[in-house]
Each structure stands twice: as C-alpha cells, then as structure tokens.
C-alpha cells in the first residue's frame, strides 16, 4: 500500500502554508474536531484547481472554531489539505453505502461521485453537490471517530516489507501488510497518513488504544446487476427493484489496456485469490518474462477478492494501493479498494450482469 502523502509532508504543508507550529497543525485533525465538524462548511462546488490561501485559512479556522463565518462557496479551500468536515462526510457516505474510497479528509472526484450516488439512493437530484437536501438526509449526531484497542488479530497479517518485483513476491507465502499502521488503516477504510495524523504519538502496538473511523455495517442484500461507469470512475450495484444498493469508486482500465465494453456476467467470486502473472497474456512487469504464481494477500496485485467476469482474463478485484483508486490506470480490469470489493463480493453471485458504460 503506497503512501501518497506522508505525515511529515502533511504537517510540513500545513505549517508552511499557514505559519502554524507542528503541534497546532496536528490539532486540526482531532477526533473532537471531526465529530463536531459542520457539513455546511464544505463548499457545494468542488474545484480541484482552487488554491486561495484566504479561503484555506478561513475554512480551517472555521472548522476548529476560531472563525465565525464559513468560506464563500465560490472560494473552496485547497483540495490537498485534510478537512475535518470532509472526513466526517466521507465516513457518513461510507456508512450509507456510497463509498468515497479511502477516508482521508480530502475533497475530490471520488467524494463528489459518492455524493451523487447517495443522492440517487435518496431520490435527490444527482449533481454531486453539498446542499440542504444532502445535509438533511445524511447528517447525524452520532460520532464518526471512535476508539479501538489494537488486538493480536489486527497485527496477525503484518509480514514486513513487500518487494515490488513479482519474482520475489512469488517466493513469499502471503502478501500481507508491511506495517501495523497499514493493516489498521485498511481495516477502518482510512488513509494510513490520516490514521497517523489522528494518532500522532501512537506506535500501533497490541493493547494500545487509537482513534479510528467509526464505520457502520456492510451493505446487505442481493445485487442483480452492476454498472461500471468509465466516465464517472464508479461501479454501481442495483437491487432487484431497480434501487441503487451500493456504489464504489473504481479504476477502470487505462489508455493502453482498456476495459471491455458491452455487457458481461459474473462467473465466480473468489476470496483471497492467488495471482497468475503471464507476460504473454497480461503485461510486462520489470524483467520478468516467465509465468509466476503470486500468493494471496492485501498487497497482492489483485488484493483480497477476485470477481471473475465472462470476458476472458478480466475481473473486478482489490488493490494494494487504495489511495490511488480512480487516479491511475489498471491493466484493463476494474479495481476497487479491498474493503469495497469484499463488500461487493457478498452482494453478487454467479450470473449477475455487468454492464460497461
């Protein structure tokens, strides 16, 4: 699981931009701040190019209670600075079955697609914008950040450094987690650096109490059809009555390895799959030119679940890099976070149709 935004860089960015001490910067992402963060502090319009320093300062000050007015909706805060309000929204969306992917406090396309999916679930116009309708439907007084005591089971899948070379991966018995913080971040659907920012003094050892996302139960039911929306970067599961059951951000093929088109069916759902690397069929990885069988595990190329499709060699699967979902191309398949694809795997069965839009 590659860390996209290191904690030192996170604190340095906040300190540099705002002129804050590291202690003050870290205090922005406290459990108290996230649990009490107002959703109407999030701009209704997401602008990835926005970088107004004034809006950034006002937004953060508002969220920690030192400003009396929220920033203007036409001046959204920088999208590369975690927001307590966005973190709270992400957890509420996750609970509702409209997955935002990793919980990291950052606004972005995955969050906005999740909002649109939530709107569809609740019969609202699906424009991906924050407004009274969305806030009224999703807002909750329940806490979104809770505590967790680390157990031996939490750490049982930590195996140490994972090599990048497939030949070396094939020599391992299990492609588990490199670090305890990585294992815990995945369990609670969180970005690893966000987890560390919430727990700045934690060593993530057995018996330690840490702050984590307070998640709800997995979605239940039976999906009868799936839609893979390439333009939206989202996979949607529909129930028999036509209602939207769940939605997940997805990486769907790439320019060099496009995903299939048309309608296909699910052939099988495989938990903890091994991965067969064949450079003549798939792609070339490093200097490897021989067929290799890689062991299962969350840091394997297909993560912890493989949903086989009727199109040969294509499937829906997990990933060792959840923070990169819908940000980088896959090798033709549909890639979800490990937690999302496990939830989806419990909703589908052989014969479910999968339509690529």
Protein backbone atom coordinates (compact mmCIF):
# COMPACT_ATOMS: atom_id res chain seq x y z
CA UNK A 1 0.00 0.00 0.00
CA UNK A 2 1.92 3.03 -1.21
CA UNK A 3 1.58 6.14 0.93
CA UNK A 4 0.62 9.06 -1.29
CA UNK A 5 1.03 11.88 1.24
CA UNK A 6 3.49 11.25 4.05
CA UNK A 7 2.67 12.51 7.54
CA UNK A 8 5.81 14.70 7.74
CA UNK A 9 4.79 16.27 4.43
CA UNK A 10 1.22 16.70 5.73
CA UNK A 11 2.37 18.56 8.84
CA UNK A 12 5.02 20.49 6.90
CA UNK A 13 2.42 21.56 4.31
CA UNK A 14 0.02 22.85 6.95
CA UNK A 15 2.79 24.61 8.86
CA UNK A 16 4.33 26.16 5.78
CA UNK A 17 1.08 27.41 4.28
CA UNK A 18 -0.49 28.65 7.48
CA UNK A 19 2.56 29.54 9.54
CA UNK A 20 1.49 27.14 12.31
CA UNK A 21 3.63 25.09 14.66
CA UNK A 22 3.55 21.30 14.06
CA UNK A 23 1.54 20.86 17.29
CA UNK A 24 -1.11 23.35 16.16
CA UNK A 25 -1.25 21.83 12.68
CA UNK A 26 -1.76 18.32 14.06
CA UNK A 27 -4.55 19.59 16.34
CA UNK A 28 -6.68 20.43 13.29
CA UNK A 29 -7.37 16.71 12.78
CA UNK A 30 -8.52 15.78 16.25
CA UNK A 31 -11.40 13.37 16.90
CA UNK A 32 -13.30 16.22 18.58
CA UNK A 33 -12.89 18.50 15.56
CA UNK A 34 -14.06 15.81 13.13
CA UNK A 35 -17.01 14.67 15.25
CA UNK A 36 -18.25 18.27 15.56
CA UNK A 37 -17.34 19.46 12.05
CA UNK A 38 -20.26 21.13 10.21
CA UNK A 39 -21.07 19.71 6.79
CA UNK A 40 -22.16 23.12 5.52
CA UNK A 41 -18.52 24.22 5.85
CA UNK A 42 -17.76 22.13 2.74
CA UNK A 43 -18.09 24.17 -0.49
CA UNK A 44 -21.02 22.97 -2.57
CA UNK A 45 -18.84 23.17 -5.67
CA UNK A 46 -15.63 21.16 -5.88
CA UNK A 47 -12.85 22.90 -7.81
CA UNK A 48 -9.64 20.83 -7.97
CA UNK A 49 -7.69 23.87 -9.20
CA UNK A 50 -8.74 26.12 -6.30
CA UNK A 51 -5.84 27.29 -4.16
CA UNK A 52 -6.99 30.50 -2.48
CA UNK A 53 -4.89 30.97 0.67
CA UNK A 54 -7.56 33.16 2.24
CA UNK A 55 -10.22 30.51 1.64
CA UNK A 56 -7.92 27.83 3.04
CA UNK A 57 -7.22 29.74 6.25
CA UNK A 58 -10.87 30.70 6.70
CA UNK A 59 -12.03 27.13 6.09
CA UNK A 60 -9.66 25.60 8.64
CA UNK A 61 -10.25 28.34 11.20
CA UNK A 62 -14.00 27.87 10.81
CA UNK A 63 -13.72 24.14 11.30
CA UNK A 64 -11.71 24.45 14.52
CA UNK A 65 -14.00 27.14 15.89
CA UNK A 66 -11.82 30.25 15.63
CA UNK A 67 -13.74 31.91 12.81
CA UNK A 68 -17.41 32.89 12.86
CA UNK A 69 -18.16 32.60 9.16
CA UNK A 70 -17.67 29.76 6.71
CA UNK A 71 -15.71 30.49 3.49
CA UNK A 72 -17.64 31.67 0.44
CA UNK A 73 -18.93 28.81 -1.66
CA UNK A 74 -17.19 30.23 -4.73
CA UNK A 75 -13.80 30.01 -2.99
CA UNK A 76 -13.31 26.40 -1.97
CA UNK A 77 -10.29 25.59 0.15
CA UNK A 78 -7.24 23.83 -1.23
CA UNK A 79 -8.04 20.22 -2.04
CA UNK A 80 -4.67 18.98 -0.73
CA UNK A 81 -5.27 19.95 2.92
CA UNK A 82 -7.35 17.49 5.01
CA UNK A 83 -10.61 18.93 6.31
CA UNK A 84 -12.45 17.70 9.43
CA UNK A 85 -15.76 18.38 7.66
CA UNK A 86 -14.79 16.34 4.60
CA UNK A 87 -13.57 13.50 6.82
CA UNK A 88 -16.91 13.45 8.63
CA UNK A 89 -18.79 13.46 5.34
CA UNK A 90 -16.65 10.61 3.99
CA UNK A 91 -17.45 8.42 6.98
CA UNK A 92 -21.17 9.18 6.73
CA UNK A 93 -21.12 8.36 2.99
CA UNK A 94 -19.26 5.12 3.71
CA UNK A 95 -21.94 4.15 6.22
CA UNK A 96 -24.69 4.89 3.70
CA UNK A 97 -23.25 2.57 1.03
CA UNK A 98 -21.93 5.37 -1.19
CA UNK A 99 -18.24 4.70 -0.79
CA UNK A 100 -15.81 7.63 -1.09
CA UNK A 101 -12.84 5.23 -1.19
CA UNK A 102 -10.16 6.00 1.37
CA UNK A 103 -11.16 8.26 4.25
CA UNK A 104 -8.53 10.99 4.17
CA UNK A 105 -10.33 14.31 4.74
CA UNK A 106 -9.67 15.43 1.16
CA UNK A 107 -12.39 16.64 -1.18
CA UNK A 108 -12.19 15.27 -4.70
CA UNK A 109 -13.87 13.44 -7.55
CA UNK A 110 -14.41 10.24 -5.53
CA UNK A 111 -16.22 12.21 -2.81
CA UNK A 112 -18.38 14.03 -5.34
CA UNK A 113 -19.28 10.80 -7.16
CA UNK A 114 -20.20 9.29 -3.79
CA UNK A 115 -22.43 12.28 -3.05
CA UNK A 116 -24.16 11.80 -6.42
CA UNK A 117 -24.70 8.12 -5.64
CA UNK A 118 -26.12 8.97 -2.21
CA UNK A 119 -28.45 11.49 -3.84
CA UNK A 120 -29.68 8.78 -6.22
CA UNK A 121 -30.29 6.46 -3.27
CA UNK A 122 -32.41 9.12 -1.56
CA UNK A 123 -34.31 10.37 -4.62
CA UNK A 124 -32.45 13.69 -4.84
CA UNK A 125 -31.06 15.33 -7.99
CA UNK A 126 -27.69 13.64 -8.57
CA UNK A 127 -25.40 16.62 -9.09
CA UNK A 128 -22.68 15.69 -6.58
CA UNK A 129 -23.09 18.97 -4.71
CA UNK A 130 -23.39 19.62 -1.00
CA UNK A 131 -26.65 21.34 -0.14
CA UNK A 132 -29.52 21.34 2.34
CA UNK A 133 -31.03 18.21 0.77
CA UNK A 134 -27.86 16.12 1.14
CA UNK A 135 -27.06 17.50 4.59
CA UNK A 136 -30.60 16.88 5.79
CA UNK A 137 -30.54 13.27 4.60
CA UNK A 138 -27.03 12.28 5.71
CA UNK A 139 -26.39 14.40 8.78
CA UNK A 140 -26.18 12.52 12.06
CA UNK A 141 -25.40 13.43 15.64
CA UNK A 142 -23.58 10.14 16.10
CA UNK A 143 -19.81 10.24 16.41
CA UNK A 144 -17.82 9.41 13.30
CA UNK A 145 -14.47 8.97 15.05
CA UNK A 146 -14.31 6.39 17.81
CA UNK A 147 -11.64 4.41 19.65
CA UNK A 148 -10.23 0.93 19.11
CA UNK A 149 -7.97 -1.26 21.22
CA UNK A 150 -5.40 -2.96 18.99
CA UNK A 151 -5.55 -6.76 19.21
CA UNK A 152 -3.18 -9.55 18.21
CA UNK A 153 -5.59 -10.38 15.38
CA UNK A 154 -5.20 -6.84 13.99
CA UNK A 155 -1.46 -7.46 13.69
CA UNK A 156 -1.54 -11.07 12.53
CA UNK A 157 -1.36 -10.16 8.84
CA UNK A 158 1.69 -7.87 9.18
CA UNK A 159 4.59 -9.55 7.36
CA UNK A 160 7.09 -6.73 6.84
CA UNK A 161 8.41 -5.16 3.67
CA UNK A 162 6.72 -6.31 0.45
CA UNK A 163 9.01 -6.47 -2.61
CA UNK A 164 7.85 -4.81 -5.80
CA UNK A 165 9.35 -7.43 -8.12
CA UNK A 166 6.86 -10.16 -8.99
CA UNK A 167 9.53 -12.89 -8.96
CA UNK A 168 10.38 -12.04 -5.35
CA UNK A 169 6.69 -11.77 -4.46
CA UNK A 170 6.20 -15.30 -5.81
CA UNK A 171 8.71 -16.59 -3.23
CA UNK A 172 6.58 -15.36 -0.32
CA UNK A 173 3.79 -17.34 1.38
CA UNK A 174 1.47 -14.37 1.95
CA UNK A 175 1.45 -10.78 0.70
CA UNK A 176 0.24 -9.21 3.92
CA UNK A 177 0.76 -5.74 5.33
CA UNK A 178 4.13 -4.08 5.65
CA UNK A 179 3.25 -2.19 8.84
CA UNK A 180 0.77 -2.32 11.68
CA UNK A 181 -0.49 1.16 10.76
CA UNK A 182 -1.16 -0.05 7.22
CA UNK A 183 -3.19 -3.02 8.47
CA UNK A 184 -5.25 -0.83 10.80
CA UNK A 185 -5.80 1.85 8.18
CA UNK A 186 -7.24 -0.74 5.80
CA UNK A 187 -9.47 -2.27 8.47
CA UNK A 188 -11.06 1.11 9.12
CA UNK A 189 -11.13 2.30 5.47
CA UNK A 190 -8.64 5.07 6.21
CA UNK A 191 -5.62 6.55 4.50
CA UNK A 192 -2.59 5.47 6.51
CA UNK A 193 -1.27 9.01 6.90
CA UNK A 194 -4.69 10.22 8.02
CA UNK A 195 -4.73 7.48 10.68
CA UNK A 196 -1.29 8.60 11.87
CA UNK A 197 -2.35 12.25 11.93
CA UNK A 198 -5.25 11.27 14.22
CA UNK A 199 -2.83 9.33 16.42
CA UNK A 200 0.40 11.34 16.34
CA UNK A 201 2.01 9.56 19.32
CA UNK A 202 0.82 6.03 18.56
CA UNK A 203 3.24 3.17 17.94
CA UNK A 204 0.36 0.86 16.87
CA UNK A 205 1.21 -1.96 19.25
CA UNK A 206 -1.06 -4.62 20.74
CA UNK A 207 -3.13 -3.25 23.63
CA UNK A 208 -2.81 0.37 22.52
CA UNK A 209 -5.99 2.45 22.15
CA UNK A 210 -6.20 4.51 18.96
CA UNK A 211 -8.75 6.76 17.23
CA UNK A 212 -10.32 5.34 14.06
CA UNK A 213 -13.25 5.88 11.73
CA UNK A 214 -16.47 4.67 13.36
CA UNK A 215 -17.85 2.61 10.49
CA UNK A 216 -21.29 1.14 10.10
CA UNK A 217 -22.17 -2.37 8.97
CA UNK A 218 -21.50 -3.57 5.44
CA UNK A 219 -24.31 -3.27 2.91
CA UNK A 220 -26.60 -6.25 2.77
CA UNK A 221 -28.88 -7.54 0.07
CA UNK A 222 -28.70 -9.05 -3.37
CA UNK A 223 -27.37 -7.21 -6.39
CA UNK A 224 -28.88 -8.34 -9.68
CA UNK A 225 -26.87 -6.07 -11.97
CA UNK A 226 -23.75 -3.95 -11.91
CA UNK A 227 -22.88 -0.85 -13.90
CA UNK A 228 -19.26 0.09 -14.49
CA UNK A 229 -19.23 3.78 -15.38
CA UNK A 230 -15.92 4.64 -17.01
CA UNK A 231 -16.63 8.37 -17.27
CA UNK A 232 -17.65 8.62 -13.61
CA UNK A 233 -14.98 6.23 -12.33
CA UNK A 234 -17.59 4.34 -10.35
CA UNK A 235 -19.13 0.87 -10.04
CA UNK A 236 -22.80 0.76 -9.02
CA UNK A 237 -24.76 -2.24 -7.73
CA UNK A 238 -28.54 -2.36 -8.20
CA UNK A 239 -31.16 -4.39 -6.35
CA UNK A 240 -33.96 -6.35 -7.98
CA UNK A 241 -36.42 -3.45 -7.55
CA UNK A 242 -34.07 -1.16 -9.51
CA UNK A 243 -32.88 0.80 -6.49
CA UNK A 244 -29.21 1.66 -6.07
CA UNK A 245 -27.85 -0.70 -3.44
CA UNK A 246 -24.20 0.44 -3.28
CA UNK A 247 -21.64 2.49 -5.20
CA UNK A 248 -17.85 2.33 -5.20
CA UNK A 249 -15.07 4.43 -6.76
CA UNK A 250 -13.21 2.36 -9.33
CA UNK A 251 -10.13 2.41 -11.51
CA UNK A 252 -11.37 1.14 -14.85
CA UNK A 253 -8.72 0.15 -17.39
CA UNK A 254 -6.29 2.57 -18.99
CA UNK A 255 -5.47 4.01 -22.40
CA UNK A 256 -3.06 1.12 -23.09
CA UNK A 257 -5.23 -1.56 -21.51
CA UNK A 258 -8.90 -0.57 -21.84
CA UNK A 259 -11.59 -2.48 -20.03
CA UNK A 260 -14.12 -4.41 -22.08
CA UNK A 261 -17.28 -2.84 -23.43
CA UNK A 262 -20.82 -4.14 -23.55
CA UNK A 263 -22.49 -6.48 -21.06
CA UNK A 264 -20.88 -9.46 -19.34
CA UNK A 265 -21.69 -11.74 -16.41
CA UNK A 266 -20.12 -12.77 -13.14
CA UNK A 267 -18.67 -16.28 -13.35
CA UNK A 268 -17.27 -16.68 -9.84
CA UNK A 269 -16.38 -14.83 -6.63
CA UNK A 270 -13.02 -15.84 -5.18
CA UNK A 271 -11.77 -14.75 -1.75
CA UNK A 272 -8.04 -14.34 -1.12
CA UNK A 273 -7.08 -15.22 -4.68
CA UNK A 274 -3.64 -16.12 -5.91
CA UNK A 275 -2.49 -14.21 -8.98
CA UNK A 276 -1.05 -15.79 -12.12
CA UNK A 277 1.31 -13.47 -13.92
CA UNK A 278 1.74 -14.29 -17.61
CA UNK A 279 3.66 -11.63 -19.57
CA UNK A 280 2.36 -13.02 -22.87
CA UNK A 281 -1.27 -12.52 -21.85
CA UNK A 282 -1.22 -9.69 -19.33
CA UNK A 283 1.59 -7.14 -19.30
CA UNK A 284 5.36 -6.99 -18.76
CA UNK A 285 6.45 -6.35 -15.18
CA UNK A 286 10.12 -5.45 -14.79
CA UNK A 287 12.41 -8.10 -16.24
CA UNK A 288 10.01 -10.96 -15.56
CA UNK A 289 9.38 -13.00 -18.71
CA UNK A 290 8.14 -16.25 -17.13
CA UNK A 291 4.76 -17.30 -15.75
CA UNK A 292 4.63 -16.71 -11.99
CA UNK A 293 2.08 -17.57 -9.32
CA UNK A 294 1.86 -14.91 -6.62
CA UNK A 295 0.41 -15.80 -3.20
CA UNK A 296 -2.77 -14.17 -1.82
CA UNK A 297 -2.89 -11.14 0.42
CA UNK A 298 -3.96 -7.48 0.59
CA UNK A 299 -0.72 -6.35 -1.02
CA UNK A 300 -1.03 -8.73 -3.95
CA UNK A 301 -1.78 -7.31 -7.42
CA UNK A 302 -5.50 -8.18 -7.16
CA UNK A 303 -5.93 -7.64 -3.42
CA UNK A 304 -8.22 -9.80 -1.33
CA UNK A 305 -11.05 -10.56 -3.76
CA UNK A 306 -11.43 -11.55 -7.42
CA UNK A 307 -14.85 -11.37 -9.12
CA UNK A 308 -14.36 -13.24 -12.38
CA UNK A 309 -16.14 -11.97 -15.49
CA UNK A 310 -17.23 -13.78 -18.63
CA UNK A 311 -14.76 -11.69 -20.65
CA UNK A 312 -11.59 -13.85 -20.54
CA UNK A 313 -8.84 -12.60 -18.16
CA UNK A 314 -10.97 -9.67 -16.90
CA UNK A 315 -12.39 -9.24 -13.44
CA UNK A 316 -13.29 -6.92 -10.58
CA UNK A 317 -10.68 -7.03 -7.84
CA UNK A 318 -8.95 -5.28 -4.94
CA UNK A 319 -5.73 -3.31 -4.82
CA UNK A 320 -2.60 -2.85 -2.70
CA UNK A 321 -2.88 0.92 -3.19
CA UNK A 322 -6.35 2.13 -2.14
CA UNK A 323 -5.39 5.82 -2.22
CA UNK A 324 -4.83 5.56 -5.97
CA UNK A 325 -8.29 4.26 -6.88
CA UNK A 326 -9.63 6.26 -9.87
CA UNK A 327 -6.34 8.16 -10.06
CA UNK A 328 -4.18 5.75 -12.08
CA UNK A 329 -4.98 3.18 -14.76
CA UNK A 330 -5.33 -0.55 -14.20
CA UNK A 331 -4.33 -3.32 -16.58
CA UNK A 332 -7.81 -3.50 -18.08
CA UNK A 333 -9.71 -4.82 -15.06
CA UNK A 334 -11.95 -2.98 -12.60
CA UNK A 335 -10.07 -2.16 -9.41
CA UNK A 336 -11.73 -1.25 -6.08
CA UNK A 337 -10.37 -0.86 -2.56
CA UNK A 338 -10.05 -4.20 -0.79
CA UNK A 339 -12.85 -3.34 1.64
CA UNK A 340 -15.21 -2.26 -1.13
CA UNK A 341 -14.63 -5.33 -3.29
CA UNK A 342 -15.14 -7.61 -0.28
CA UNK A 343 -18.47 -5.93 0.41
CA UNK A 344 -19.41 -6.19 -3.28
CA UNK A 345 -18.41 -9.86 -3.32
CA UNK A 346 -21.05 -10.56 -0.65
CA UNK A 347 -23.73 -8.81 -2.75
CA UNK A 348 -23.17 -10.62 -6.06
CA UNK A 349 -23.33 -14.20 -7.26
CA UNK A 350 -22.73 -16.14 -10.45
CA UNK A 351 -24.87 -14.85 -13.32
CA UNK A 352 -25.14 -11.21 -12.22
CA UNK A 353 -24.86 -8.94 -15.27
CA UNK A 354 -22.07 -6.37 -15.50
CA UNK A 355 -22.64 -3.56 -17.98
CA UNK A 356 -19.77 -1.26 -19.01
CA UNK A 357 -20.98 2.25 -19.77
